[in-house]
Structure formats: structure tokens, C-alpha cells
Amino acid sequence: MHTDRNKRTIRRTLLAAAFGMFLDGFDLSIMAVALLSLREDWRLTPAATGTLMAAALLGSLLGGAIGGPLVDRYGRRTLLLPNILLYIAGAVISAASTDLSVLWIGRFAVGLAVGMDYPLVATVIAEYSDAEQRGNHFAGANIAWYAGALASTLVGLLLLFYAGIAAWRGMLLAAALPALGLLWLRRNIPESPRWLTRKGATREAREALSRLHPAWSTDEIQKTTESYGQSVRDWRTLFRAPWRRRLWLSVAPWFCLDVVSLGIGLYFPVVLRTEELAGTNVEAAAINAIFLIISIGGLLFAAPRLDRIGRIPLQIAGFLLMGFGLVLFIGGLLAQMPEFVYAGAAFFSFGTGVGPGVTAMALSVEIFPTELRASAGGIATAVSRLGAAFSAVIFPTMTAHFGLPTVLVLMIAVSLAGALISYRYAVEPAGQTLERLESTHHSRSAGLPKDDA
């Protein structure tokens, strides 16, 4: 009975964290579909489209930058509910907007909420998971992201079919509905025992552990809290060796991922229409849903291998598959062979799911000290969304001026850079406890260089 209760508490905590990823996937993908009707309704120029699509990403940049330090300073529970309330408010403002500036503010608010939630979600998953299951749980969170993306695409399909040009308002309002369920799910989540121990709240840490592990003896709880109590470091530690190397590994590949995947993902339905690969908006949204399912397939393939093969090999393989997919995509466009375009999109989608789509988030928090974990995750979130915002702004403008194949060649170069950086700065956390990763500086796969001395 105790074991069942233990599993229920931890499972609910991890589910409450992962469902935040569902919201991000739902929001970003609903905007990609909403753009199909919005650009017709408001006759958006490429520049206006890029600026609007960057709003939520810029909000996420700011949210990650401030959310991580808040979570490290005030606790993992601090932003669990305020984030979601802000998300709901932003969705309502977006749906009711009467001009581009109001819509931009609503989208920025949604992004701000999502950005603050990212380091929180990643930290909760890292700290509430066993070492043997941590990678699997990160995969589950990213499956939740794609489930949200797929759900929003299906909602968008229905609204496009029944509401036509005004469908975008219903799509943006729909983002608030799953957020209401998350408010209930996140109630009464226990605070992280690791964070409590580092803050000197040993008694509260033991109480949280006993709540999470009711079958544990007093001696087990005592030994566990003692293992959490390492020396406390300040934020400047992140920019010193060996943590500087780890920060680069957490930041740069995620930046590359978002430049490529979100830049392309936000505009993929529009690309299908402009390249005459889809005859209607509904058809474009349906094709987009198929490739989201392929990404989920990549995640399902990676999930049992993240803790066995490791994060770094899968991340490198994923970036290479993404680059190969874009090569096929370009070849199909130039040769006017849609089958190669679709094959390329399939390789790209599978590569995103099997590699950096899950590993980048995990690496942003796993390899850092408890008291700085969310801050490191916040930095990585902010930098990644800077890349995504940059891509969102320039993608439509550069495509209009230089053509889609030229833009995709640049995306291939960024994908290869992500693979190279992952190899050069690799630190492998698979199968290691957070405490071991924190207290040693050799956490690497055999044959690869060690952390900075």
C-alpha cells in the first residue's frame, strides 16, 4: 500500500510538471495553424508575420531568464500556479485582440509564462526521478509537448473546417482550456527535498521525502538528506571551470535546435501552401499533424535508449538526421518531386524526436548543482528562445528574398553545428545520480574529453 501511494505521489508530481510541456506544444503549434487563417484575415506582410511569431518566443526568452533564478531562490513550487494563470490571461487577450499590437502583447504574455515554466519543469523532472528512469521521464515530458502540438493541430483542423477565416480566434482561446486542468493538477505538489536541504531546511526536507517515499525508514530518509547536503555555490560558479563547459553544452545545442526546428515548425503549414504541396489550409494542417506523429515516433524510439545508450549519442544522431532530412527536402523542392520533400520532412521530424528534442532539455539541468539547476536551465531556455525568435523573424523575410532552398541550406549548417558542439563538449549524465554528477567532473562517455580541470 505504501509503495502504491509512493508511486502515486511521484507520478502525479512528474505528470504535473510534464503537462506544462503539453501547454507549450499546444500553444506553439496552434499558432502555426492559426497563421493560415490569420494572415488572410489581417493580410499580414512577411515582416509583420515574423514579428508576431517572435512575440511568444521573446516572452519565453525573458521568462526563462527570470524564472530559473526565481525557482532556485524561492523553491520549485514558487511558479507552479502563477505561470499557468499568466498563460490563461495571455490566451484570452490573444483571442480577443482587435489589432496586431494587442495580439503581440497577448502572445508575449503566453510566451513569458511558458519560458518561466521550462526551467521549473526540467528541474522537477530531474530532481524527482530516479537515476535509472530520469531519461525516460524527460522523454515522457517531450512526448507531452508533441501530444500538445498534435492536439492543437487537430483542434485547428476542426476550426478551419467549420469557422473558416475567423478560426484563429477560437484556436488561440482553446489554449486556455488545458491550462485550467493543469491548475488543478499542480495543487499540493511537495517541495523538492534537494532544494530544501541546500537551503538548510533539513526538517522540511525530511518531511517532503517521507511524503514522496512513505515506505522509507527514518534511517533511509536521514541518509538521503545527508547525501543532498553538499556545499552551496553562487551563480558565478556557472561561468567557471568545469561548469562553464557544461553551460556551453546546455546552451549551444538547444540554441541550434530552436533555430532550426521552431523556425521551420512555425511556418511548415504555410510552406506547404506557398510551395503548393497542400491545396487547402485544412490539408496543410492535416499534413502537419502527420509529421508531428513521426516526431512522437522518434521520441518513443529514444525513450528506452536515453538511459542505456546515453543523451549525447542520441543528440548527435538526431542533429545529423535533421540535416539529412533537410538535404532531401531541398532536393525535392528543386527537382519538383513532392515524395522527396515528404521523405525529407519525415527524416527531419524523426531526428528531432530521437535526439535534441528531448536531450537538450535534459542536459540543461541534469549536469548542474541543485542550487543552480533551475538558473542554468533558465539560461539555456532564454538562449534557445533567442535562436527561435531570430529564426521566426528572419524565416519569412529571407524566404521571400532568397528562396526557401537557400534558407534551408543555412538550417543544415546550424544542425551540423549542433552535432559538432554536442561531441566537443559532451558530458554524459545517463545512469548517474544528480549528486554524483555534481561532485565529479569526469561524467563522460569513454573515449571523449573530460570536463575542464
Protein backbone atom coordinates (compact mmCIF):
# COMPACT_ATOMS: atom_id res chain seq x y z
CA MET A 1 0.00 0.00 0.00
CA HIS A 2 2.83 2.38 0.86
CA THR A 3 4.53 1.60 -2.43
CA ASP A 4 1.37 2.42 -4.36
CA ARG A 5 1.00 5.72 -2.51
CA ASN A 6 4.66 6.49 -3.14
CA LYS A 7 4.23 5.88 -6.85
CA ARG A 8 1.05 7.93 -6.98
CA THR A 9 2.66 10.98 -5.36
CA ILE A 10 5.76 10.94 -7.54
CA ARG A 11 3.76 10.10 -10.66
CA ARG A 12 1.38 12.99 -10.05
CA THR A 13 4.31 15.37 -9.43
CA LEU A 14 6.01 14.34 -12.67
CA LEU A 15 2.72 14.49 -14.57
CA ALA A 16 2.04 18.00 -13.26
CA ALA A 17 5.48 19.05 -14.50
CA ALA A 18 5.23 17.31 -17.87
CA PHE A 19 1.80 18.75 -18.59
CA GLY A 20 3.44 22.16 -18.68
CA MET A 21 5.25 20.90 -21.79
CA PHE A 22 1.86 19.94 -23.24
CA LEU A 23 0.84 23.60 -22.97
CA ASP A 24 3.96 24.81 -24.77
CA GLY A 25 3.46 22.30 -27.57
CA PHE A 26 -0.21 23.19 -27.82
CA ASP A 27 0.47 26.92 -27.96
CA LEU A 28 3.31 26.97 -30.49
CA SER A 29 1.59 24.54 -32.83
CA ILE A 30 -1.82 26.19 -32.59
CA MET A 31 -0.15 29.44 -33.66
CA ALA A 32 1.37 27.71 -36.70
CA VAL A 33 -2.09 26.56 -37.77
CA ALA A 34 -3.81 29.80 -36.72
CA LEU A 35 -1.47 31.71 -39.01
CA LEU A 36 -3.14 30.06 -42.02
CA SER A 37 -6.38 31.98 -41.41
CA LEU A 38 -4.89 34.96 -39.55
CA ARG A 39 -2.66 36.05 -42.43
CA GLU A 40 -5.69 36.01 -44.74
CA ASP A 41 -7.93 37.79 -42.24
CA TRP A 42 -5.47 40.57 -41.42
CA ARG A 43 -3.45 40.43 -44.68
CA LEU A 44 -0.14 40.16 -42.85
CA THR A 45 3.09 41.07 -44.62
CA PRO A 46 6.15 38.78 -44.21
CA ALA A 47 7.70 41.31 -41.80
CA ALA A 48 4.53 41.56 -39.70
CA THR A 49 4.23 37.78 -39.67
CA GLY A 50 7.79 37.34 -38.41
CA THR A 51 7.35 39.97 -35.72
CA LEU A 52 4.13 38.38 -34.50
CA MET A 53 5.53 34.85 -34.48
CA ALA A 54 8.51 36.06 -32.48
CA ALA A 55 6.34 37.55 -29.71
CA ALA A 56 5.82 34.37 -27.70
CA LEU A 57 9.43 33.34 -28.26
CA LEU A 58 10.73 36.66 -26.94
CA GLY A 59 8.40 36.25 -23.96
CA SER A 60 9.89 32.79 -23.40
CA LEU A 61 13.37 34.28 -23.56
CA LEU A 62 12.57 36.71 -20.75
CA GLY A 63 10.61 34.08 -18.84
CA GLY A 64 13.49 31.63 -18.85
CA ALA A 65 15.97 34.32 -17.78
CA ILE A 66 13.91 35.36 -14.74
CA GLY A 67 12.10 32.10 -14.00
CA GLY A 68 15.19 29.97 -13.37
CA PRO A 69 16.71 32.21 -10.69
CA LEU A 70 13.28 32.60 -9.03
CA VAL A 71 12.89 28.83 -8.82
CA ASP A 72 16.39 28.43 -7.38
CA ARG A 73 15.89 31.19 -4.83
CA TYR A 74 12.31 30.64 -3.68
CA GLY A 75 11.69 26.97 -4.41
CA ARG A 76 10.35 24.64 -7.08
CA ARG A 77 6.74 25.28 -6.08
CA THR A 78 7.02 29.07 -6.47
CA LEU A 79 5.86 29.35 -10.08
CA LEU A 80 3.71 26.23 -10.39
CA LEU A 81 0.41 28.16 -10.37
CA PRO A 82 1.31 31.80 -11.29
CA ASN A 83 2.78 30.59 -14.60
CA ILE A 84 -0.49 28.96 -15.59
CA LEU A 85 -2.64 31.95 -14.59
CA LEU A 86 -0.45 34.19 -16.76
CA TYR A 87 -0.74 31.69 -19.62
CA ILE A 88 -4.55 31.75 -19.43
CA ALA A 89 -4.61 35.56 -19.36
CA GLY A 90 -2.35 35.74 -22.42
CA ALA A 91 -4.53 33.27 -24.33
CA VAL A 92 -7.69 35.29 -23.62
CA ILE A 93 -6.02 38.58 -24.64
CA SER A 94 -4.76 36.97 -27.86
CA ALA A 95 -8.15 35.60 -28.84
CA ALA A 96 -9.91 38.92 -28.14
CA SER A 97 -7.31 41.16 -29.80
CA THR A 98 -8.51 43.82 -32.22
CA ASP A 99 -5.17 44.77 -33.77
CA LEU A 100 -1.64 43.48 -34.16
CA SER A 101 -0.21 45.30 -31.13
CA VAL A 102 -2.76 43.79 -28.72
CA LEU A 103 -2.24 40.36 -30.24
CA TRP A 104 1.51 40.78 -29.84
CA ILE A 105 1.06 41.60 -26.13
CA GLY A 106 -1.14 38.55 -25.60
CA ARG A 107 1.33 36.29 -27.36
CA PHE A 108 4.22 37.78 -25.38
CA ALA A 109 2.38 37.05 -22.10
CA VAL A 110 1.80 33.44 -23.13
CA GLY A 111 5.48 33.09 -24.02
CA LEU A 112 6.55 34.67 -20.73
CA ALA A 113 4.55 32.05 -18.83
CA VAL A 114 5.94 29.19 -20.90
CA GLY A 115 9.51 30.48 -20.53
CA MET A 116 9.24 30.60 -16.74
CA ASP A 117 7.79 27.10 -16.75
CA TYR A 118 10.60 25.47 -18.75
CA PRO A 119 13.38 25.54 -16.12
CA LEU A 120 10.79 24.67 -13.47
CA VAL A 121 9.55 21.62 -15.39
CA ALA A 122 13.05 20.41 -16.25
CA THR A 123 14.24 20.82 -12.65
CA VAL A 124 11.25 19.00 -11.17
CA ILE A 125 11.73 16.07 -13.57
CA ALA A 126 15.45 15.89 -12.79
CA GLU A 127 15.05 16.08 -9.01
CA TYR A 128 12.01 13.83 -8.55
CA SER A 129 13.22 10.99 -10.83
CA ASP A 130 15.44 8.00 -10.07
CA ALA A 131 18.75 7.99 -11.94
CA GLU A 132 17.72 4.88 -13.89
CA GLN A 133 14.46 6.47 -15.07
CA ARG A 134 15.39 10.13 -15.45
CA GLY A 135 15.95 9.98 -19.19
CA ASN A 136 12.71 8.11 -19.67
CA HIS A 137 10.84 10.76 -17.71
CA PHE A 138 12.38 13.54 -19.82
CA ALA A 139 11.24 11.63 -22.89
CA GLY A 140 7.75 11.48 -21.39
CA ALA A 141 7.73 15.25 -20.90
CA ASN A 142 8.71 15.81 -24.51
CA ILE A 143 6.10 13.32 -25.68
CA ALA A 144 3.66 15.54 -23.77
CA TRP A 145 4.97 18.50 -25.83
CA TYR A 146 4.23 16.69 -29.08
CA ALA A 147 0.91 15.45 -27.75
CA GLY A 148 0.00 19.09 -27.12
CA ALA A 149 1.20 20.02 -30.59
CA LEU A 150 -0.83 17.24 -32.16
CA ALA A 151 -3.93 18.08 -30.09
CA SER A 152 -3.74 21.73 -31.10
CA THR A 153 -3.31 20.79 -34.75
CA LEU A 154 -6.44 18.64 -34.61
CA VAL A 155 -8.33 21.47 -32.89
CA GLY A 156 -7.08 23.81 -35.60
CA LEU A 157 -8.24 21.41 -38.29
CA LEU A 158 -11.76 21.35 -36.90
CA LEU A 159 -11.93 25.12 -36.54
CA LEU A 160 -10.53 25.71 -40.03
CA PHE A 161 -13.17 23.38 -41.42
CA TYR A 162 -16.11 24.95 -39.55
CA ALA A 163 -15.07 28.56 -38.89
CA GLY A 164 -13.01 29.44 -41.95
CA ILE A 165 -11.13 32.73 -41.93
CA ALA A 166 -12.13 33.59 -38.33
CA ALA A 167 -10.87 30.25 -36.99
CA TRP A 168 -7.70 31.72 -35.49
CA ARG A 169 -9.58 33.36 -32.59
CA GLY A 170 -11.06 30.06 -31.48
CA MET A 171 -7.65 28.39 -31.79
CA LEU A 172 -5.90 30.92 -29.55
CA LEU A 173 -8.68 30.79 -26.96
CA ALA A 174 -8.58 26.98 -26.96
CA ALA A 175 -5.06 27.16 -25.50
CA ALA A 176 -6.59 28.25 -22.17
CA LEU A 177 -8.65 25.08 -21.75
CA PRO A 178 -5.87 22.57 -20.93
CA ALA A 179 -4.29 25.21 -18.69
CA LEU A 180 -7.36 25.15 -16.44
CA GLY A 181 -6.86 21.41 -15.90
CA LEU A 182 -3.20 21.96 -15.04
CA LEU A 183 -4.17 24.41 -12.27
CA TRP A 184 -5.94 21.54 -10.50
CA LEU A 185 -3.20 19.00 -11.21
CA ARG A 186 -0.46 21.17 -9.70
CA ARG A 187 -2.12 21.73 -6.35
CA ASN A 188 -0.27 20.44 -3.27
CA ILE A 189 2.90 19.35 -5.06
CA PRO A 190 5.61 18.67 -2.42
CA GLU A 191 8.71 20.85 -2.42
CA SER A 192 11.98 19.36 -3.66
CA PRO A 193 13.89 17.71 -0.77
CA ARG A 194 17.16 18.55 -2.51
CA TRP A 195 16.33 22.25 -2.65
CA LEU A 196 15.14 22.29 0.98
CA THR A 197 18.36 20.63 2.13
CA ARG A 198 20.53 23.19 0.34
CA LYS A 199 18.51 25.95 1.97
CA GLY A 200 19.18 24.47 5.40
CA ALA A 201 15.58 23.37 5.92
CA THR A 202 16.54 19.83 6.92
CA ARG A 203 13.36 19.06 8.85
CA GLU A 204 11.17 20.17 5.93
CA ALA A 205 13.36 18.13 3.54
CA ARG A 206 12.77 15.00 5.63
CA GLU A 207 9.04 15.67 5.71
CA ALA A 208 8.99 16.08 1.91
CA LEU A 209 10.96 12.84 1.49
CA SER A 210 8.62 10.95 3.77
CA ARG A 211 5.70 12.22 1.71
CA LEU A 212 7.34 11.20 -1.55
CA HIS A 213 8.61 7.87 -0.14
CA PRO A 214 6.24 6.80 2.65
CA ALA A 215 7.72 3.28 2.71
CA TRP A 216 11.20 4.55 3.58
CA SER A 217 12.54 4.14 7.10
CA THR A 218 13.75 7.05 9.22
CA ASP A 219 17.32 5.90 8.63
CA GLU A 220 16.86 5.90 4.83
CA ILE A 221 15.42 9.40 4.92
CA GLN A 222 18.27 10.59 7.14
CA LYS A 223 20.97 9.18 4.84
CA THR A 224 19.29 10.59 1.74
CA THR A 225 19.06 14.12 3.12
CA GLU A 226 22.70 13.92 4.17
CA SER A 227 23.67 12.97 0.61
CA TYR A 228 21.89 16.10 -0.67
CA GLY A 229 23.83 18.44 1.62
CA GLN A 230 26.82 19.46 -0.47
CA SER A 231 28.44 22.89 -0.42
CA VAL A 232 26.34 25.76 -1.76
CA ARG A 233 27.67 27.73 -4.74
CA ASP A 234 26.70 31.17 -6.03
CA TRP A 235 25.57 31.96 -9.59
CA ARG A 236 29.07 32.95 -10.74
CA THR A 237 30.02 29.28 -10.45
CA LEU A 238 28.25 28.61 -13.74
CA PHE A 239 30.83 30.70 -15.59
CA ARG A 240 33.86 28.98 -14.05
CA ALA A 241 35.51 25.65 -14.91
CA PRO A 242 34.23 22.93 -15.03
CA TRP A 243 30.71 24.33 -15.09
CA ARG A 244 31.46 26.75 -17.91
CA ARG A 245 31.97 23.82 -20.26
CA ARG A 246 28.71 22.27 -19.10
CA LEU A 247 26.87 25.56 -19.57
CA TRP A 248 28.10 25.70 -23.16
CA LEU A 249 26.83 22.14 -23.73
CA SER A 250 23.42 23.02 -22.30
CA VAL A 251 23.06 26.31 -24.17
CA ALA A 252 24.57 25.94 -27.66
CA PRO A 253 22.90 22.72 -28.94
CA TRP A 254 19.49 23.87 -27.67
CA PHE A 255 20.05 27.19 -29.46
CA CYS A 256 20.81 25.27 -32.67
CA LEU A 257 17.74 23.08 -32.19
CA ASP A 258 15.37 26.01 -31.79
CA VAL A 259 16.85 27.97 -34.69
CA VAL A 260 16.14 25.00 -36.95
CA SER A 261 13.13 23.16 -35.54
CA LEU A 262 10.99 26.06 -34.34
CA GLY A 263 11.89 28.24 -37.30
CA ILE A 264 10.72 25.52 -39.67
CA GLY A 265 7.94 24.20 -37.42
CA LEU A 266 6.22 27.55 -37.02
CA TYR A 267 5.95 28.01 -40.77
CA PHE A 268 5.65 24.45 -42.06
CA PRO A 269 1.87 24.65 -42.77
CA VAL A 270 2.40 27.96 -44.58
CA VAL A 271 5.31 26.47 -46.56
CA LEU A 272 3.05 23.62 -47.65
CA ARG A 273 0.59 26.15 -49.01
CA THR A 274 3.06 28.53 -50.66
CA GLU A 275 5.01 25.67 -52.29
CA GLU A 276 1.69 24.20 -53.50
CA LEU A 277 2.26 20.98 -51.54
CA ALA A 278 -1.18 21.37 -49.96
CA GLY A 279 -4.25 22.58 -51.82
CA THR A 280 -6.16 23.97 -48.82
CA ASN A 281 -5.49 25.20 -45.30
CA VAL A 282 -7.20 22.11 -43.89
CA GLU A 283 -4.95 19.85 -45.96
CA ALA A 284 -1.85 21.74 -44.79
CA ALA A 285 -2.87 21.32 -41.15
CA ALA A 286 -3.53 17.60 -41.71
CA ILE A 287 -0.09 17.05 -43.26
CA ASN A 288 1.48 18.97 -40.40
CA ALA A 289 -0.22 16.58 -37.96
CA ILE A 290 1.29 13.57 -39.74
CA PHE A 291 4.83 14.86 -39.23
CA LEU A 292 4.14 15.63 -35.57
CA ILE A 293 3.19 11.96 -35.19
CA ILE A 294 6.51 10.99 -36.81
CA SER A 295 8.33 13.12 -34.21
CA ILE A 296 6.44 11.30 -31.47
CA GLY A 297 7.65 8.06 -33.08
CA GLY A 298 11.22 9.33 -32.73
CA LEU A 299 10.65 10.08 -29.06
CA LEU A 300 9.16 6.65 -28.45
CA PHE A 301 12.23 5.13 -30.12
CA ALA A 302 14.57 7.23 -27.96
CA ALA A 303 12.77 6.80 -24.61
CA PRO A 304 14.11 3.32 -23.67
CA ARG A 305 17.57 4.19 -25.02
CA LEU A 306 18.20 7.51 -23.24
CA ASP A 307 19.34 5.80 -20.03
CA ARG A 308 21.04 2.89 -21.83
CA ILE A 309 22.81 4.48 -24.82
CA GLY A 310 23.01 7.97 -23.34
CA ARG A 311 21.93 11.52 -24.12
CA ILE A 312 24.95 12.58 -26.18
CA PRO A 313 24.96 9.81 -28.85
CA LEU A 314 21.23 10.29 -29.44
CA GLN A 315 21.58 14.07 -29.59
CA ILE A 316 24.35 13.83 -32.21
CA ALA A 317 22.38 11.27 -34.24
CA GLY A 318 19.27 13.45 -34.08
CA PHE A 319 21.05 16.54 -35.40
CA LEU A 320 22.56 14.51 -38.26
CA LEU A 321 19.16 13.07 -39.18
CA MET A 322 17.67 16.57 -39.17
CA GLY A 323 20.39 17.79 -41.54
CA PHE A 324 19.94 14.79 -43.84
CA GLY A 325 16.19 15.37 -43.91
CA LEU A 326 16.69 18.98 -44.97
CA VAL A 327 19.02 17.86 -47.78
CA LEU A 328 16.24 15.61 -49.12
CA PHE A 329 13.72 18.42 -48.64
CA ILE A 330 15.79 20.82 -50.74
CA GLY A 331 16.38 18.20 -53.42
CA GLY A 332 12.65 17.55 -53.64
CA LEU A 333 11.88 21.25 -53.99
CA LEU A 334 14.46 21.82 -56.70
CA ALA A 335 13.50 18.68 -58.63
CA GLN A 336 9.80 19.32 -58.06
CA MET A 337 9.42 15.86 -56.55
CA PRO A 338 7.00 16.03 -53.61
CA GLU A 339 7.86 12.50 -52.48
CA PHE A 340 11.41 13.64 -51.66
CA VAL A 341 10.07 16.69 -49.84
CA TYR A 342 7.88 14.47 -47.67
CA ALA A 343 10.68 11.94 -47.12
CA GLY A 344 12.95 14.79 -46.03
CA ALA A 345 10.33 16.15 -43.66
CA ALA A 346 9.93 12.64 -42.21
CA PHE A 347 13.69 12.25 -41.54
CA PHE A 348 13.78 15.75 -40.07
CA SER A 349 10.80 15.08 -37.78
CA PHE A 350 12.12 11.71 -36.63
CA GLY A 351 15.58 13.18 -35.96
CA THR A 352 14.13 15.97 -33.85
CA GLY A 353 12.26 13.46 -31.72
CA VAL A 354 15.01 10.88 -31.39
CA GLY A 355 17.68 13.40 -30.40
CA PRO A 356 17.83 17.05 -29.34
CA GLY A 357 14.05 17.34 -28.99
CA VAL A 358 14.41 15.53 -25.65
CA THR A 359 18.12 15.58 -24.79
CA ALA A 360 18.62 19.36 -24.95
CA MET A 361 16.12 19.98 -22.19
CA ALA A 362 17.54 17.19 -20.03
CA LEU A 363 21.14 18.42 -20.37
CA SER A 364 20.10 21.95 -19.43
CA VAL A 365 19.53 20.89 -15.80
CA GLU A 366 20.94 17.42 -15.08
CA ILE A 367 24.61 18.37 -15.08
CA PHE A 368 24.41 21.34 -12.67
CA PRO A 369 24.36 21.77 -8.87
CA THR A 370 20.99 21.73 -7.10
CA GLU A 371 21.11 25.37 -6.03
CA LEU A 372 21.91 26.49 -9.59
CA ARG A 373 19.99 23.88 -11.58
CA ALA A 374 16.94 25.97 -12.48
CA SER A 375 19.12 29.03 -13.15
CA ALA A 376 21.21 27.03 -15.64
CA GLY A 377 18.01 25.71 -17.20
CA GLY A 378 16.66 29.26 -17.38
CA ILE A 379 19.78 30.48 -19.19
CA ALA A 380 19.52 27.63 -21.67
CA THR A 381 15.82 28.32 -22.19
CA ALA A 382 16.45 32.03 -22.76
CA VAL A 383 19.28 31.46 -25.25
CA SER A 384 17.34 28.77 -27.10
CA ARG A 385 14.34 31.05 -27.47
CA LEU A 386 16.60 33.83 -28.69
CA GLY A 387 17.54 31.47 -31.52
CA ALA A 388 13.91 30.59 -32.13
CA ALA A 389 12.84 34.25 -32.15
CA PHE A 390 15.64 35.12 -34.56
CA SER A 391 14.56 32.30 -36.84
CA ALA A 392 10.89 33.27 -36.58
CA VAL A 393 11.66 36.85 -37.63
CA ILE A 394 14.05 36.13 -40.49
CA PHE A 395 12.48 32.95 -41.92
CA PRO A 396 9.59 34.60 -43.85
CA THR A 397 11.68 37.60 -44.90
CA MET A 398 14.69 35.56 -46.06
CA THR A 399 12.43 33.06 -47.81
CA ALA A 400 10.74 35.91 -49.68
CA HIS A 401 14.10 37.41 -50.75
CA PHE A 402 16.36 34.39 -51.30
CA GLY A 403 14.01 31.44 -51.68
CA LEU A 404 13.27 28.52 -49.38
CA PRO A 405 16.17 26.25 -50.52
CA THR A 406 18.76 28.89 -49.57
CA VAL A 407 17.25 29.31 -46.11
CA LEU A 408 17.21 25.53 -45.61
CA VAL A 409 20.91 25.30 -46.51
CA LEU A 410 21.59 27.64 -43.59
CA MET A 411 19.45 25.42 -41.37
CA ILE A 412 21.55 22.39 -42.39
CA ALA A 413 24.70 24.25 -41.32
CA VAL A 414 23.13 25.01 -37.92
CA SER A 415 22.12 21.35 -37.48
CA LEU A 416 25.68 20.20 -38.17
CA ALA A 417 26.98 22.79 -35.71
CA GLY A 418 24.66 21.33 -33.06
CA ALA A 419 26.10 17.84 -33.65
CA LEU A 420 29.69 19.09 -33.54
CA ILE A 421 29.20 21.08 -30.32
CA SER A 422 27.46 18.12 -28.69
CA TYR A 423 30.50 15.94 -29.43
CA ARG A 424 33.12 18.53 -28.47
CA TYR A 425 31.65 19.46 -25.08
CA ALA A 426 29.84 16.24 -24.20
CA VAL A 427 29.07 15.37 -20.59
CA GLU A 428 27.05 12.16 -20.26
CA PRO A 429 24.58 12.05 -17.32
CA ALA A 430 22.86 8.76 -18.21
CA GLY A 431 22.62 6.38 -15.26
CA GLN A 432 24.28 8.76 -12.77
CA THR A 433 22.67 10.35 -9.74
CA LEU A 434 22.48 14.11 -9.64
CA GLU A 435 24.80 14.10 -6.62
CA ARG A 436 27.47 12.12 -8.46
CA LEU A 437 27.21 14.42 -11.46
CA GLU A 438 27.59 17.36 -9.12
CA SER A 439 30.57 16.04 -7.17
CA THR A 440 32.66 14.70 -10.07
CA HIS A 441 33.94 16.31 -13.25
CA HIS A 442 34.55 13.27 -15.43
CA SER A 443 30.94 12.47 -16.36
CA ARG A 444 31.74 11.45 -19.90
CA SER A 445 31.40 8.54 -22.22
CA ALA A 446 34.59 6.56 -22.72
CA GLY A 447 37.00 7.97 -25.27
CA LEU A 448 35.75 11.57 -25.13
CA PRO A 449 37.50 14.50 -23.42
CA LYS A 450 36.83 15.20 -19.75
CA ASP A 451 35.44 18.36 -18.20
CA ASP A 452 37.72 21.34 -17.71
CA ALA A 453 40.06 20.97 -14.77
